[in-house]
Amino acid sequence: MSTSAASHLSPSYPDRAAWGTAPKLRAWQQEAFDLYFAAERRDFLTVATPGAGKTTYALRIASELLSRGIVRTVTIVTPTEHLKRQWADAAGRVGIAIDPEFKNSQGTTSRDYVGVAVTYAQVAMHPALHRARTEGRRTLVIFDEIHHAGDAKSWGDAVREAFEPATRRLGLTGTPFRSDDNPIPFVGYVEDGDGGLRSVSDYSYGYGPALADGVVRPVIFLAYAGEMKWRTRAGDEITATLGTPLTKDQLSQAWRAALDPKGDWIRQVLRAADRRLTEVRRGVPDGGGLVIATDHETARAYARHIRTITGEGATVVLSDDPDASKKIKGFAASEERWLVAVRMVSEGVDIPRLCVGVYATSVSTPLFFAQAVGRFVRARKRGETASVFVPSVPTLMGLAGEMEAERDHVLGRRQAEDGLDDDLLKEARQKKDNPDVLGDELPFETVEASATFDRVLFDGGEFGTGGDVGSPEEEDFIGLPGLLEPDQVATLLRKRQSEQQAAKRKLAGTAEAAPERSPHEELAALRKELNGLVGAWNHRTDQPHGVIHAELRRLCGGPPIAQATADQIRDRIAQIRKWATQRSR
C-alpha cells in the first residue's frame, strides 16, 4: 500500500512536536504527567480542584500515549453534551481530532477522527456498542468528572461493561466525593478504619495548593440574611429571619422565600452583585457574572430583574434549549455582564472571565456547591479575585468555610460529616437528578422577603459586622478591588472589619457601654475566634483548614462549625490553644 493511501485510511496521530504551540504545563500538571508514566497503571485517578487545568493535562497524556503507540484511539466520556464539544475543541487545538457528534446509531465514525466524545447517558443506552468499539482498537478512555459514572447503578454497570477492555483509563474529577453508596467504576477503595471504604486517588491537587500557586483565584463569599414572611396553605402568616437559628422546616421555607423572584431579597442581592461586578470590571474589563437558579421559571424571572437593574439583557441558558452550547460559547467570547443558568454551567464548563456569582439555588450537596463555585475560580492572571453571593444558610456557610477540605468518596457508612440531615439530602438528590423541575407547588406564598448584609467568608475566616443593603458596612466589602493577591485579600478584609468595629464602638460611646451580645452574636464571635485560630495554625503547620477543623471535630465531637453550639465551639478553641501551648514548649 502506498504512503498516501495508508495516510488516507488512518488518522494522523499527534507527535510531541505538535505540542510546540501548546501552553507549557503547570507545575502540578507536569508532576502528575510524570507520575502517570512512572506508574504505568491501566487505571489512574487524578483529582484536581475545578479550574486547575485537568483538560490540558489529560490531552497531554493522550498525545503521549498516541505518539508512543500504546493506544490507537481515544474515547472521552463527559457528563453533558456541551462538554463533548468543549473537549473536542480543546483536543483539536493540540492536533487530536475528536468527533463530538458521534451517535450510537452510527456505530463508527469518520477515519478523519482519532476518537469520539460521548456522554455517560449515551454509554448507558448502548454499552455493548461502546464495548465493541473499545475492543476493536487499543483505546484510552478519559472519564471527565468520573464521579458521574456512579449517578445510577445502571450507569456504573454500563460504564464497566463498555470500557472494561480499554488499554488505559484516566479518571478526572474535581469532586471525587458522592452523597450515596454507588461505587464509581475503575476507582480504587481502601478500608478507612471507620467501617467504610474510602476512594483513593493516584494524584491529588486541592484548592489550597492551587491558590498558593496562583492557579486559581481566591474566592470571597458574601452572605446575605434577611426577614422572610410567607403564608401557608392554611392562611397562617409566618415570619423568620434567615441567618439566625431556625428549625429545619423554617429554614427550608425561609430559604425558598429568599429565592422567590416575587420577593425583594433576590432583587437586592442581584443589585449588590451587579455593583460588585462593576467594581471588579475596573480591573478586569471583561469580567462576567453568573446566577445559578433552581429551575427554568426562576431563571427567566432573574433575567428580567437583571435587565431592570442594569438596563442590559442577560444570557439565559436552560438545559432543554438546543442552542444552549452555542449560547454558552457566545457568552464566553463576549463582554456581556450576566449569564443566568439552571444546570448547564454548574460543572466543567469553561468560562474563565466569570468573576462574580450568585448562588440562587436550594441545592446544598457538597458536590454541587463545589462544582458551582468552581465556575469562578479559574485564574487567567495573578490578582484576579472571585466573589460569590450566597444566602446565609448554615449548610452553605459550612461549605464556604471549608473550601480547602479534601473529600473522598466513602462507601458503607452514612456521610454525616457533610452536615446534611436525611431530608435535605433527599431533596438535594432529587434536584440533582432533575434540577429543572421544582416539583409540587410551594406549601406557602411569599409575602415579604428583604435582604440584609450578614458577613464575608474568606480562607476559613469570617469578616464584617453586618448591615443593611447599601449601608457603608456592606459597601466596604462590595467595593474591594477586583485585583488582589490572596494575602492582600485577607489583610484588607481584616482592616475593613477593624474599622467597622471601631466605628460601632465609637457610636456606642465605649466598648463597655455596648449592650450584652445576643446568642446569635455570641455564636458569630466564637466562630470568628475559632476560624482565626485555625488560620494561625494553618500558617504554623501548613495543614489545610478543612483538615484542622476535621481533627478538632474528631477530638471534641459535634457537627461542622456552622451547626455547632457555643459550648462545642469553646471546646474546640480550648483544644487548638492546647496544641499551640504544647508546640511552643
Protein backbone atom coordinates (compact mmCIF):
# COMPACT_ATOMS: atom_id res chain seq x y z
CA MET A 1 0.00 0.00 0.00
CA SER A 2 1.32 3.46 -0.86
CA THR A 3 2.15 6.00 1.82
CA SER A 4 -0.58 8.30 0.58
CA ALA A 5 -3.16 5.53 0.67
CA ALA A 6 -2.13 4.49 4.15
CA SER A 7 -2.38 8.04 5.45
CA HIS A 8 -5.85 8.34 3.94
CA LEU A 9 -7.07 5.21 5.72
CA SER A 10 -5.57 6.03 9.14
CA PRO A 11 -5.86 9.20 11.19
CA SER A 12 -2.67 11.18 11.70
CA TYR A 13 -1.56 10.84 15.30
CA PRO A 14 -0.02 13.80 17.09
CA ASP A 15 3.64 13.67 17.94
CA ARG A 16 5.49 15.61 20.58
CA ALA A 17 6.24 18.38 18.13
CA ALA A 18 2.51 19.11 17.95
CA TRP A 19 2.74 20.45 21.48
CA GLY A 20 5.22 23.16 20.48
CA THR A 21 2.43 25.76 20.33
CA ALA A 22 0.59 24.42 23.39
CA PRO A 23 0.84 26.18 26.75
CA LYS A 24 3.64 24.97 28.98
CA LEU A 25 2.39 22.56 31.60
CA ARG A 26 1.88 23.99 35.05
CA ALA A 27 3.98 22.51 37.83
CA TRP A 28 1.19 20.26 39.12
CA GLN A 29 0.33 19.10 35.58
CA GLN A 30 3.93 18.17 34.89
CA GLU A 31 4.23 16.37 38.23
CA ALA A 32 1.03 14.39 37.60
CA PHE A 33 2.11 13.68 33.99
CA ASP A 34 5.47 12.30 35.14
CA LEU A 35 3.81 10.22 37.85
CA TYR A 36 1.35 8.79 35.33
CA PHE A 37 4.10 7.43 33.09
CA ALA A 38 6.23 6.32 36.02
CA ALA A 39 3.31 4.34 37.43
CA GLU A 40 2.38 2.65 34.12
CA ARG A 41 -1.03 1.73 35.53
CA ARG A 42 -4.04 0.76 33.47
CA ASP A 43 -6.26 2.89 35.74
CA PHE A 44 -5.18 6.27 37.04
CA LEU A 45 -7.35 8.72 39.02
CA THR A 46 -6.38 12.39 39.09
CA VAL A 47 -8.22 14.68 41.50
CA ALA A 48 -7.63 18.37 40.79
CA THR A 49 -9.63 21.34 42.00
CA PRO A 50 -12.03 22.89 39.47
CA GLY A 51 -10.21 25.43 37.33
CA ALA A 52 -6.78 23.84 37.74
CA GLY A 53 -6.49 22.65 34.12
CA LYS A 54 -7.43 18.96 34.03
CA THR A 55 -8.26 19.08 30.30
CA THR A 56 -4.79 20.26 29.24
CA TYR A 57 -3.16 17.64 31.46
CA ALA A 58 -5.32 14.78 30.13
CA LEU A 59 -4.79 15.75 26.49
CA ARG A 60 -1.03 15.84 27.01
CA ILE A 61 -1.21 12.27 28.31
CA ALA A 62 -3.39 11.26 25.36
CA SER A 63 -0.91 12.78 22.90
CA GLU A 64 2.00 10.95 24.52
CA LEU A 65 0.19 7.59 24.56
CA LEU A 66 -0.75 8.01 20.90
CA SER A 67 2.74 9.04 19.83
CA ARG A 68 4.26 6.04 21.66
CA GLY A 69 1.76 3.69 20.02
CA ILE A 70 0.46 2.50 23.39
CA VAL A 71 -3.08 3.37 22.26
CA ARG A 72 -4.55 3.96 18.81
CA THR A 73 -7.79 5.74 19.65
CA VAL A 74 -9.32 7.90 22.39
CA THR A 75 -12.81 7.91 23.90
CA ILE A 76 -13.74 10.88 26.10
CA VAL A 77 -16.77 10.43 28.38
CA THR A 78 -18.40 13.60 29.75
CA PRO A 79 -21.46 14.50 31.88
CA THR A 80 -23.11 16.79 29.27
CA GLU A 81 -23.49 17.39 25.55
CA HIS A 82 -21.83 20.79 25.85
CA LEU A 83 -18.73 19.31 27.42
CA LYS A 84 -18.36 16.88 24.50
CA ARG A 85 -17.89 19.86 22.18
CA GLN A 86 -15.67 21.69 24.65
CA TRP A 87 -13.34 18.68 24.85
CA ALA A 88 -13.33 18.25 21.07
CA ASP A 89 -12.40 21.92 20.60
CA ALA A 90 -9.56 21.65 23.12
CA ALA A 91 -8.29 18.39 21.59
CA GLY A 92 -8.38 19.90 18.10
CA ARG A 93 -6.12 22.74 19.21
CA VAL A 94 -3.38 20.21 20.07
CA GLY A 95 -3.75 18.04 16.99
CA ILE A 96 -6.11 15.33 18.29
CA ALA A 97 -9.24 15.11 16.13
CA ILE A 98 -12.23 14.09 18.28
CA ASP A 99 -15.78 13.62 16.97
CA PRO A 100 -18.24 15.25 19.42
CA GLU A 101 -21.28 14.44 17.26
CA PHE A 102 -20.89 10.65 17.37
CA LYS A 103 -24.26 8.91 17.80
CA ASN A 104 -24.94 5.38 18.99
CA SER A 105 -26.88 4.76 15.80
CA GLN A 106 -23.72 5.38 13.72
CA GLY A 107 -21.62 2.58 15.17
CA THR A 108 -18.47 4.04 13.63
CA THR A 109 -17.09 7.48 12.91
CA SER A 110 -15.04 9.06 10.12
CA ARG A 111 -11.42 7.97 9.70
CA ASP A 112 -10.51 11.63 9.99
CA TYR A 113 -11.05 11.32 13.73
CA VAL A 114 -8.69 9.82 16.31
CA GLY A 115 -11.58 9.23 18.66
CA VAL A 116 -15.00 10.27 19.92
CA ALA A 117 -16.58 12.19 22.80
CA VAL A 118 -19.73 10.70 24.35
CA THR A 119 -21.83 11.27 27.46
CA TYR A 120 -22.33 8.87 30.37
CA ALA A 121 -26.02 8.69 29.45
CA GLN A 122 -25.10 7.78 25.87
CA VAL A 123 -22.90 4.93 27.07
CA ALA A 124 -25.66 3.69 29.40
CA MET A 125 -28.09 3.44 26.47
CA HIS A 126 -25.89 1.03 24.48
CA PRO A 127 -22.92 -0.32 26.48
CA ALA A 128 -22.41 -3.28 24.12
CA LEU A 129 -21.78 -0.91 21.20
CA HIS A 130 -19.13 1.00 23.13
CA ARG A 131 -17.55 -2.25 24.34
CA ALA A 132 -17.22 -3.44 20.75
CA ARG A 133 -15.58 -0.12 19.78
CA THR A 134 -13.22 -0.41 22.76
CA GLU A 135 -12.28 -3.99 21.92
CA GLY A 136 -11.69 -3.12 18.27
CA ARG A 137 -8.59 -0.96 18.88
CA ARG A 138 -6.20 -0.14 21.71
CA THR A 139 -8.19 2.58 23.48
CA LEU A 140 -7.52 5.30 26.02
CA VAL A 141 -10.71 6.24 27.85
CA ILE A 142 -10.76 9.66 29.57
CA PHE A 143 -13.53 9.96 32.15
CA ASP A 144 -14.33 13.64 32.70
CA GLU A 145 -15.79 14.11 36.21
CA ILE A 146 -15.73 10.35 36.74
CA HIS A 147 -17.96 10.55 39.83
CA HIS A 148 -20.89 10.83 37.37
CA ALA A 149 -20.32 7.20 36.42
CA GLY A 150 -21.89 6.38 39.80
CA ASP A 151 -25.00 8.56 39.32
CA ALA A 152 -27.08 5.38 39.00
CA LYS A 153 -26.24 1.71 39.40
CA SER A 154 -27.26 1.10 35.79
CA TRP A 155 -24.84 3.81 34.66
CA GLY A 156 -21.99 2.29 36.66
CA ASP A 157 -22.71 -1.18 35.28
CA ALA A 158 -22.85 0.19 31.73
CA VAL A 159 -19.55 2.07 32.08
CA ARG A 160 -17.87 -1.08 33.42
CA GLU A 161 -19.22 -3.21 30.57
CA ALA A 162 -18.31 -0.69 27.88
CA PHE A 163 -14.77 0.13 28.96
CA GLU A 164 -13.51 -2.93 30.83
CA PRO A 165 -11.43 -3.94 27.72
CA ALA A 166 -9.74 -0.49 27.46
CA THR A 167 -5.95 -0.41 27.27
CA ARG A 168 -5.76 2.66 29.51
CA ARG A 169 -8.35 4.52 31.63
CA LEU A 170 -7.74 8.02 33.01
CA GLY A 171 -10.25 9.28 35.58
CA LEU A 172 -10.56 13.01 36.22
CA THR A 173 -12.58 14.82 38.86
CA GLY A 174 -12.58 17.99 40.88
CA THR A 175 -15.03 16.47 43.38
CA PRO A 176 -14.41 12.75 43.99
CA PHE A 177 -16.92 12.51 46.81
CA ARG A 178 -20.54 11.46 46.37
CA SER A 179 -23.55 11.61 48.71
CA ASP A 180 -24.52 7.96 48.18
CA ASP A 181 -23.16 4.43 48.21
CA ASN A 182 -22.95 3.92 44.45
CA PRO A 183 -19.36 2.84 43.70
CA ILE A 184 -17.51 4.73 40.99
CA PRO A 185 -16.25 2.33 38.28
CA PHE A 186 -12.49 1.85 37.92
CA VAL A 187 -11.81 3.75 41.17
CA GLY A 188 -9.93 2.00 43.96
CA TYR A 189 -11.25 1.90 47.54
CA VAL A 190 -9.49 1.06 50.82
CA GLU A 191 -10.81 0.48 54.33
CA ASP A 192 -10.90 3.75 56.24
CA GLY A 193 -10.85 2.19 59.71
CA ASP A 194 -14.31 3.52 60.50
CA GLY A 195 -16.47 0.87 58.89
CA GLY A 196 -16.36 2.20 55.35
CA LEU A 197 -14.36 2.16 52.15
CA ARG A 198 -12.68 5.38 51.01
CA SER A 199 -11.76 6.21 47.43
CA VAL A 200 -8.06 6.51 46.62
CA SER A 201 -6.62 8.90 44.06
CA ASP A 202 -3.27 8.44 42.32
CA TYR A 203 -2.63 12.18 42.26
CA SER A 204 -4.42 14.99 44.10
CA TYR A 205 -4.17 18.77 43.75
CA GLY A 206 -6.50 20.66 46.07
CA TYR A 207 -7.81 24.20 46.16
CA GLY A 208 -5.37 25.30 48.89
CA PRO A 209 -2.19 24.39 46.97
CA ALA A 210 -3.72 25.71 43.73
CA LEU A 211 -4.45 29.03 45.40
CA ALA A 212 -0.89 29.25 46.72
CA ASP A 213 0.44 28.53 43.22
CA GLY A 214 -1.73 31.20 41.64
CA VAL A 215 -3.53 28.60 39.53
CA VAL A 216 -6.96 29.54 40.91
CA ARG A 217 -8.47 32.76 42.19
CA PRO A 218 -9.20 33.49 45.83
CA VAL A 219 -12.95 33.25 46.49
CA ILE A 220 -14.72 35.85 48.63
CA PHE A 221 -18.16 34.72 49.83
CA LEU A 222 -20.64 37.48 50.63
CA ALA A 223 -23.51 36.12 52.75
CA TYR A 224 -26.93 37.78 52.99
CA ALA A 225 -29.55 37.25 55.68
CA GLY A 226 -32.95 38.95 55.94
CA GLU A 227 -36.55 38.95 57.14
CA MET A 228 -38.88 36.47 55.43
CA LYS A 229 -42.66 36.29 55.73
CA TRP A 230 -44.83 33.70 54.00
CA ARG A 231 -48.41 32.48 54.09
CA THR A 232 -49.16 28.77 54.49
CA ARG A 233 -51.95 26.92 52.70
CA ALA A 234 -53.97 27.23 55.89
CA GLY A 235 -53.72 31.02 55.60
CA ASP A 236 -51.32 31.49 58.52
CA GLU A 237 -48.54 34.04 58.13
CA ILE A 238 -45.12 33.00 59.43
CA THR A 239 -42.08 35.23 59.85
CA ALA A 240 -38.47 34.10 60.21
CA THR A 241 -35.06 35.68 59.91
CA LEU A 242 -32.62 33.96 57.58
CA GLY A 243 -29.20 33.89 59.20
CA THR A 244 -30.49 33.08 62.69
CA PRO A 245 -31.03 29.63 64.27
CA LEU A 246 -34.16 28.10 62.69
CA THR A 247 -35.86 24.74 62.70
CA LYS A 248 -35.39 22.55 59.65
CA ASP A 249 -38.82 23.44 58.24
CA GLN A 250 -38.42 27.14 58.96
CA LEU A 251 -35.02 27.20 57.28
CA SER A 252 -36.28 25.37 54.19
CA GLN A 253 -39.23 27.73 53.75
CA ALA A 254 -37.29 30.91 54.58
CA TRP A 255 -34.64 29.88 52.05
CA ARG A 256 -37.29 29.36 49.37
CA ALA A 257 -38.88 32.69 50.21
CA ALA A 258 -35.50 34.39 49.79
CA LEU A 259 -35.05 32.87 46.32
CA ASP A 260 -38.62 33.65 45.24
CA PRO A 261 -38.42 36.13 42.31
CA LYS A 262 -41.51 37.92 43.67
CA GLY A 263 -39.67 38.96 46.85
CA ASP A 264 -37.19 41.76 47.39
CA TRP A 265 -34.40 39.55 48.80
CA ILE A 266 -33.19 38.25 45.42
CA ARG A 267 -33.61 41.66 43.77
CA GLN A 268 -31.48 43.30 46.46
CA VAL A 269 -28.81 40.62 46.25
CA LEU A 270 -28.70 40.79 42.44
CA ARG A 271 -28.33 44.56 42.68
CA ALA A 272 -25.46 44.17 45.18
CA ALA A 273 -23.81 41.54 42.98
CA ASP A 274 -24.03 43.85 39.97
CA ARG A 275 -22.38 46.64 41.99
CA ARG A 276 -19.62 44.18 42.84
CA LEU A 277 -19.28 43.24 39.17
CA THR A 278 -18.91 46.92 38.25
CA GLU A 279 -16.07 47.24 40.78
CA VAL A 280 -14.39 44.06 39.52
CA ARG A 281 -14.56 45.25 35.92
CA ARG A 282 -12.42 48.27 36.79
CA GLY A 283 -9.50 45.84 36.96
CA VAL A 284 -10.95 43.01 34.84
CA PRO A 285 -12.76 44.79 31.97
CA ASP A 286 -14.39 41.65 30.53
CA GLY A 287 -15.39 40.22 33.92
CA GLY A 288 -18.73 38.43 33.83
CA GLY A 289 -21.33 37.28 36.33
CA LEU A 290 -23.32 34.05 36.66
CA VAL A 291 -26.59 33.44 38.50
CA ILE A 292 -27.26 29.76 39.25
CA ALA A 293 -31.04 29.29 39.51
CA THR A 294 -33.13 26.37 40.74
CA ASP A 295 -35.49 25.99 37.76
CA HIS A 296 -36.48 27.43 34.39
CA GLU A 297 -39.17 29.77 35.64
CA THR A 298 -37.00 31.45 38.24
CA ALA A 299 -34.07 31.69 35.81
CA ARG A 300 -36.20 33.71 33.40
CA ALA A 301 -37.52 35.86 36.25
CA TYR A 302 -33.98 36.58 37.49
CA ALA A 303 -33.02 37.63 33.97
CA ARG A 304 -35.89 40.14 33.98
CA HIS A 305 -34.62 41.54 37.29
CA ILE A 306 -31.14 41.91 35.82
CA ARG A 307 -32.49 43.84 32.83
CA THR A 308 -34.29 46.19 35.22
CA ILE A 309 -31.14 46.64 37.34
CA THR A 310 -28.60 47.04 34.54
CA GLY A 311 -30.59 48.12 31.52
CA GLU A 312 -29.00 45.20 29.67
CA GLY A 313 -30.33 41.75 28.89
CA ALA A 314 -28.80 38.63 30.41
CA THR A 315 -28.00 35.44 28.52
CA VAL A 316 -30.32 32.69 29.77
CA VAL A 317 -29.20 29.06 29.38
CA LEU A 318 -31.71 26.27 30.03
CA SER A 319 -30.97 22.56 29.86
CA ASP A 320 -33.66 21.81 27.29
CA ASP A 321 -32.51 24.59 24.94
CA PRO A 322 -30.97 23.08 21.77
CA ASP A 323 -28.88 26.24 21.40
CA ALA A 324 -27.51 26.05 24.97
CA SER A 325 -23.94 25.19 23.92
CA LYS A 326 -23.93 27.96 21.35
CA LYS A 327 -25.16 30.46 23.94
CA ILE A 328 -22.51 29.45 26.47
CA LYS A 329 -19.77 29.69 23.86
CA GLY A 330 -21.06 33.07 22.71
CA PHE A 331 -21.19 34.44 26.24
CA ALA A 332 -17.67 33.16 26.99
CA ALA A 333 -16.30 35.06 23.98
CA SER A 334 -18.25 38.28 24.66
CA GLU A 335 -18.04 41.07 27.22
CA GLU A 336 -21.69 40.78 28.32
CA ARG A 337 -22.27 41.23 32.03
CA TRP A 338 -24.61 38.43 33.13
CA LEU A 339 -25.40 34.79 32.42
CA VAL A 340 -28.35 33.03 34.13
CA ALA A 341 -28.46 29.24 34.09
CA VAL A 342 -30.02 26.24 35.78
CA ARG A 343 -27.73 23.30 35.16
CA MET A 344 -25.64 23.84 32.04
CA VAL A 345 -22.79 25.69 33.74
CA SER A 346 -22.74 24.01 37.15
CA GLU A 347 -19.92 21.66 36.19
CA GLY A 348 -16.98 21.59 33.82
CA VAL A 349 -17.99 24.45 31.54
CA ASP A 350 -15.04 26.75 30.95
CA ILE A 351 -15.84 30.49 31.06
CA PRO A 352 -12.65 31.96 32.54
CA ARG A 353 -13.97 35.53 32.61
CA LEU A 354 -16.63 34.68 35.24
CA CYS A 355 -15.68 36.66 38.36
CA VAL A 356 -18.96 37.20 40.25
CA GLY A 357 -21.58 34.60 41.10
CA VAL A 358 -24.98 34.45 42.79
CA TYR A 359 -25.80 31.06 44.30
CA ALA A 360 -29.58 31.33 43.94
CA THR A 361 -30.48 27.66 44.29
CA SER A 362 -31.55 25.47 47.21
CA VAL A 363 -29.33 22.56 46.14
CA SER A 364 -26.92 22.13 49.02
CA THR A 365 -24.88 18.98 48.39
CA PRO A 366 -21.11 19.46 48.79
CA LEU A 367 -20.60 18.13 45.25
CA PHE A 368 -22.94 20.63 43.58
CA PHE A 369 -21.67 23.55 45.67
CA ALA A 370 -18.03 22.79 44.92
CA GLN A 371 -18.68 22.43 41.20
CA ALA A 372 -20.75 25.63 41.12
CA VAL A 373 -18.04 27.63 42.88
CA GLY A 374 -15.54 26.02 40.52
CA ARG A 375 -17.01 28.07 37.67
CA PHE A 376 -15.45 31.22 39.17
CA VAL A 377 -12.00 30.15 40.31
CA ARG A 378 -10.11 29.66 37.04
CA ALA A 379 -7.25 32.19 37.06
CA ARG A 380 -6.07 33.92 33.90
CA LYS A 381 -3.55 36.19 35.56
CA ARG A 382 -2.40 36.74 39.11
CA GLY A 383 -4.51 39.02 41.24
CA GLU A 384 -7.98 38.28 39.87
CA THR A 385 -10.48 37.58 42.64
CA ALA A 386 -13.81 35.75 42.59
CA SER A 387 -16.88 36.89 44.55
CA VAL A 388 -19.83 34.58 45.24
CA PHE A 389 -23.06 35.85 46.83
CA VAL A 390 -24.86 33.24 48.95
CA PRO A 391 -27.86 33.02 51.29
CA SER A 392 -26.80 32.97 54.96
CA VAL A 393 -27.73 29.30 55.45
CA PRO A 394 -25.73 27.05 57.84
CA THR A 395 -25.08 24.33 55.26
CA LEU A 396 -23.72 26.79 52.71
CA MET A 397 -21.74 28.69 55.35
CA GLY A 398 -20.09 25.42 56.37
CA LEU A 399 -19.22 24.53 52.77
CA ALA A 400 -17.89 28.01 52.06
CA GLY A 401 -15.82 27.98 55.22
CA GLU A 402 -14.19 24.67 54.32
CA MET A 403 -13.16 25.38 50.73
CA GLU A 404 -9.78 23.74 51.33
CA ALA A 405 -11.20 20.49 52.70
CA GLU A 406 -10.23 17.44 50.65
CA ARG A 407 -13.02 14.88 50.49
CA ASP A 408 -13.10 11.33 49.21
CA HIS A 409 -15.96 9.06 48.25
CA VAL A 410 -16.86 6.79 51.16
CA LEU A 411 -18.87 3.58 50.79
CA GLY A 412 -20.60 1.62 53.52
CA ARG A 413 -21.41 4.29 56.10
CA ARG A 414 -23.54 7.38 56.26
CA GLN A 415 -21.53 10.51 55.47
CA ALA A 416 -22.59 12.58 58.44
CA GLU A 417 -19.56 14.84 58.02
CA ASP A 418 -21.31 16.58 55.15
CA GLY A 419 -23.60 18.23 57.71
CA LEU A 420 -26.83 17.37 55.89
CA ASP A 421 -29.80 15.69 57.52
CA ASP A 422 -31.70 12.97 55.68
CA ASP A 423 -34.49 15.22 54.41
CA LEU A 424 -32.18 17.89 53.00
CA LEU A 425 -30.04 15.19 51.42
CA LYS A 426 -33.07 13.58 49.82
CA GLU A 427 -34.26 16.94 48.48
CA ALA A 428 -30.82 17.77 47.13
CA ARG A 429 -30.57 14.41 45.38
CA GLN A 430 -33.96 14.90 43.75
CA LYS A 431 -32.94 18.28 42.42
CA LYS A 432 -29.63 16.93 41.23
CA ASP A 433 -31.41 14.22 39.25
CA ASN A 434 -33.91 16.67 37.76
CA PRO A 435 -32.80 20.20 38.60
CA ASP A 436 -35.11 21.88 36.12
CA VAL A 437 -38.33 20.90 37.88
CA LEU A 438 -39.14 22.33 41.30
CA GLY A 439 -41.79 19.70 41.98
CA ASP A 440 -45.04 20.31 43.81
CA GLU A 441 -46.42 23.78 44.34
CA LEU A 442 -44.72 25.61 47.19
CA PRO A 443 -46.51 24.96 50.51
CA PHE A 444 -46.65 28.69 51.07
CA GLU A 445 -46.89 32.03 49.34
CA THR A 446 -44.14 34.58 49.82
CA VAL A 447 -45.50 37.75 51.43
CA GLU A 448 -42.26 39.65 52.08
CA ALA A 449 -38.57 38.88 51.62
CA SER A 450 -35.96 41.53 52.34
CA ALA A 451 -32.17 41.20 52.44
CA THR A 452 -29.57 42.36 54.92
CA PHE A 453 -25.81 42.07 54.57
CA ASP A 454 -24.56 39.45 57.03
CA ARG A 455 -20.84 38.76 56.66
CA VAL A 456 -17.93 37.87 54.39
CA LEU A 457 -16.20 34.49 54.43
CA PHE A 458 -12.66 34.05 53.14
CA ASP A 459 -9.96 31.44 53.77
CA GLY A 460 -11.95 29.90 56.64
CA GLY A 461 -12.41 33.25 58.42
CA GLU A 462 -15.48 35.46 58.87
CA PHE A 463 -15.39 39.23 58.46
CA GLY A 464 -17.80 42.15 58.74
CA THR A 465 -20.24 43.42 61.32
CA GLY A 466 -23.37 43.15 59.20
CA GLY A 467 -25.55 45.97 57.95
CA ASP A 468 -28.39 46.91 55.67
CA VAL A 469 -28.16 46.51 51.92
CA GLY A 470 -26.50 49.67 50.62
CA SER A 471 -25.05 50.52 54.06
CA PRO A 472 -21.43 51.67 54.47
CA GLU A 473 -20.69 48.30 56.15
CA GLU A 474 -21.77 46.44 53.03
CA GLU A 475 -20.11 48.89 50.64
CA ASP A 476 -16.77 48.36 52.41
CA PHE A 477 -16.76 44.82 51.02
CA ILE A 478 -18.67 45.37 47.77
CA GLY A 479 -16.01 47.94 46.87
CA LEU A 480 -12.99 45.67 47.36
CA PRO A 481 -10.61 45.91 44.37
CA GLY A 482 -11.05 43.18 41.78
CA LEU A 483 -7.30 42.60 41.55
CA LEU A 484 -5.79 41.34 44.81
CA GLU A 485 -3.42 38.57 45.84
CA PRO A 486 -4.79 36.14 48.46
CA ASP A 487 -2.73 37.66 51.29
CA GLN A 488 -3.85 41.14 50.23
CA VAL A 489 -7.48 40.00 50.37
CA ALA A 490 -7.06 38.75 53.95
CA THR A 491 -5.23 41.91 55.03
CA LEU A 492 -7.83 44.22 53.51
CA LEU A 493 -10.74 42.22 54.96
CA ARG A 494 -9.23 42.41 58.44
CA LYS A 495 -8.65 46.14 58.02
CA ARG A 496 -12.24 46.78 56.89
CA GLN A 497 -13.63 44.73 59.76
CA SER A 498 -11.44 46.52 62.31
CA GLU A 499 -12.60 49.89 61.02
CA GLN A 500 -16.25 48.82 61.21
CA GLN A 501 -15.86 47.57 64.77
CA ALA A 502 -14.11 50.79 65.82
CA ALA A 503 -16.88 52.88 64.25
CA LYS A 504 -19.55 50.90 66.09
CA ARG A 505 -17.73 51.27 69.42
CA LYS A 506 -17.40 54.99 68.84
CA LEU A 507 -21.10 55.25 68.04
CA ALA A 508 -21.95 53.34 71.22
CA GLY A 509 -19.67 55.58 73.30
CA THR A 510 -17.37 52.89 74.67
CA ALA A 511 -16.99 49.18 74.17
CA GLU A 512 -18.06 48.64 77.80
CA ALA A 513 -21.27 50.57 77.19
CA ALA A 514 -22.32 48.26 74.36
CA PRO A 515 -25.33 46.04 75.10
CA GLU A 516 -24.86 42.41 76.02
CA ARG A 517 -24.44 40.17 72.98
CA SER A 518 -27.37 38.09 71.78
CA PRO A 519 -26.94 34.30 71.33
CA HIS A 520 -26.54 34.85 67.58
CA GLU A 521 -23.84 37.48 68.12
CA GLU A 522 -22.08 35.26 70.67
CA LEU A 523 -22.01 32.35 68.23
CA ALA A 524 -20.72 34.59 65.45
CA ALA A 525 -17.94 35.90 67.71
CA LEU A 526 -16.94 32.37 68.76
CA ARG A 527 -16.89 31.19 65.13
CA LYS A 528 -14.64 34.10 64.20
CA GLU A 529 -12.30 33.34 67.10
CA LEU A 530 -12.09 29.66 66.15
CA ASN A 531 -11.57 30.40 62.47
CA GLY A 532 -8.84 32.91 63.36
CA LEU A 533 -7.05 30.28 65.47
CA VAL A 534 -7.43 27.70 62.68
CA GLY A 535 -5.95 30.20 60.24
CA ALA A 536 -2.99 30.80 62.56
CA TRP A 537 -2.47 27.03 63.00
CA ASN A 538 -2.62 26.63 59.20
CA HIS A 539 0.20 29.16 58.78
CA ARG A 540 2.18 27.46 61.53
CA THR A 541 1.79 23.86 60.32
CA ASP A 542 0.74 24.13 56.62
CA GLN A 543 -2.20 21.83 57.41
CA PRO A 544 -5.29 22.75 55.30
CA HIS A 545 -8.09 24.50 57.20
CA GLY A 546 -10.50 21.64 56.49
CA VAL A 547 -8.09 19.07 57.94
CA ILE A 548 -7.68 21.14 61.13
CA HIS A 549 -11.46 21.54 61.53
CA ALA A 550 -11.95 17.81 60.96
CA GLU A 551 -9.37 16.89 63.61
CA LEU A 552 -10.95 19.29 66.12
CA ARG A 553 -14.34 17.67 65.47
CA ARG A 554 -12.83 14.20 65.89
CA LEU A 555 -11.32 15.12 69.24
CA CYS A 556 -14.13 17.29 70.61
CA GLY A 557 -17.18 15.86 68.85
CA GLY A 558 -20.07 17.74 67.36
CA PRO A 559 -21.18 18.84 63.87
CA PRO A 560 -19.44 21.27 61.47
CA ILE A 561 -18.80 24.76 62.80
CA ALA A 562 -21.91 26.23 61.15
CA GLN A 563 -24.15 23.88 63.17
CA ALA A 564 -22.06 23.65 66.36
CA THR A 565 -23.28 25.03 69.69
CA ALA A 566 -21.40 27.72 71.59
CA ASP A 567 -20.07 25.17 74.10
CA GLN A 568 -18.86 22.87 71.29
CA ILE A 569 -17.01 25.77 69.65
CA ARG A 570 -15.47 26.77 73.02
CA ASP A 571 -14.20 23.18 73.42
CA ARG A 572 -12.50 23.40 70.01
CA ILE A 573 -10.99 26.78 70.86
CA ALA A 574 -9.58 25.29 74.06
CA GLN A 575 -8.20 22.29 72.13
CA ILE A 576 -6.40 24.37 69.50
CA ARG A 577 -4.97 26.63 72.22
CA LYS A 578 -3.72 23.46 73.93
CA TRP A 579 -1.98 22.43 70.69
CA ALA A 580 -0.30 25.82 70.46
CA THR A 581 0.91 25.61 74.08
CA GLN A 582 2.30 22.10 73.61
CA ARG A 583 4.08 23.03 70.38
CA SER A 584 5.77 26.06 71.92
CA ARG A 585 7.25 24.09 74.81
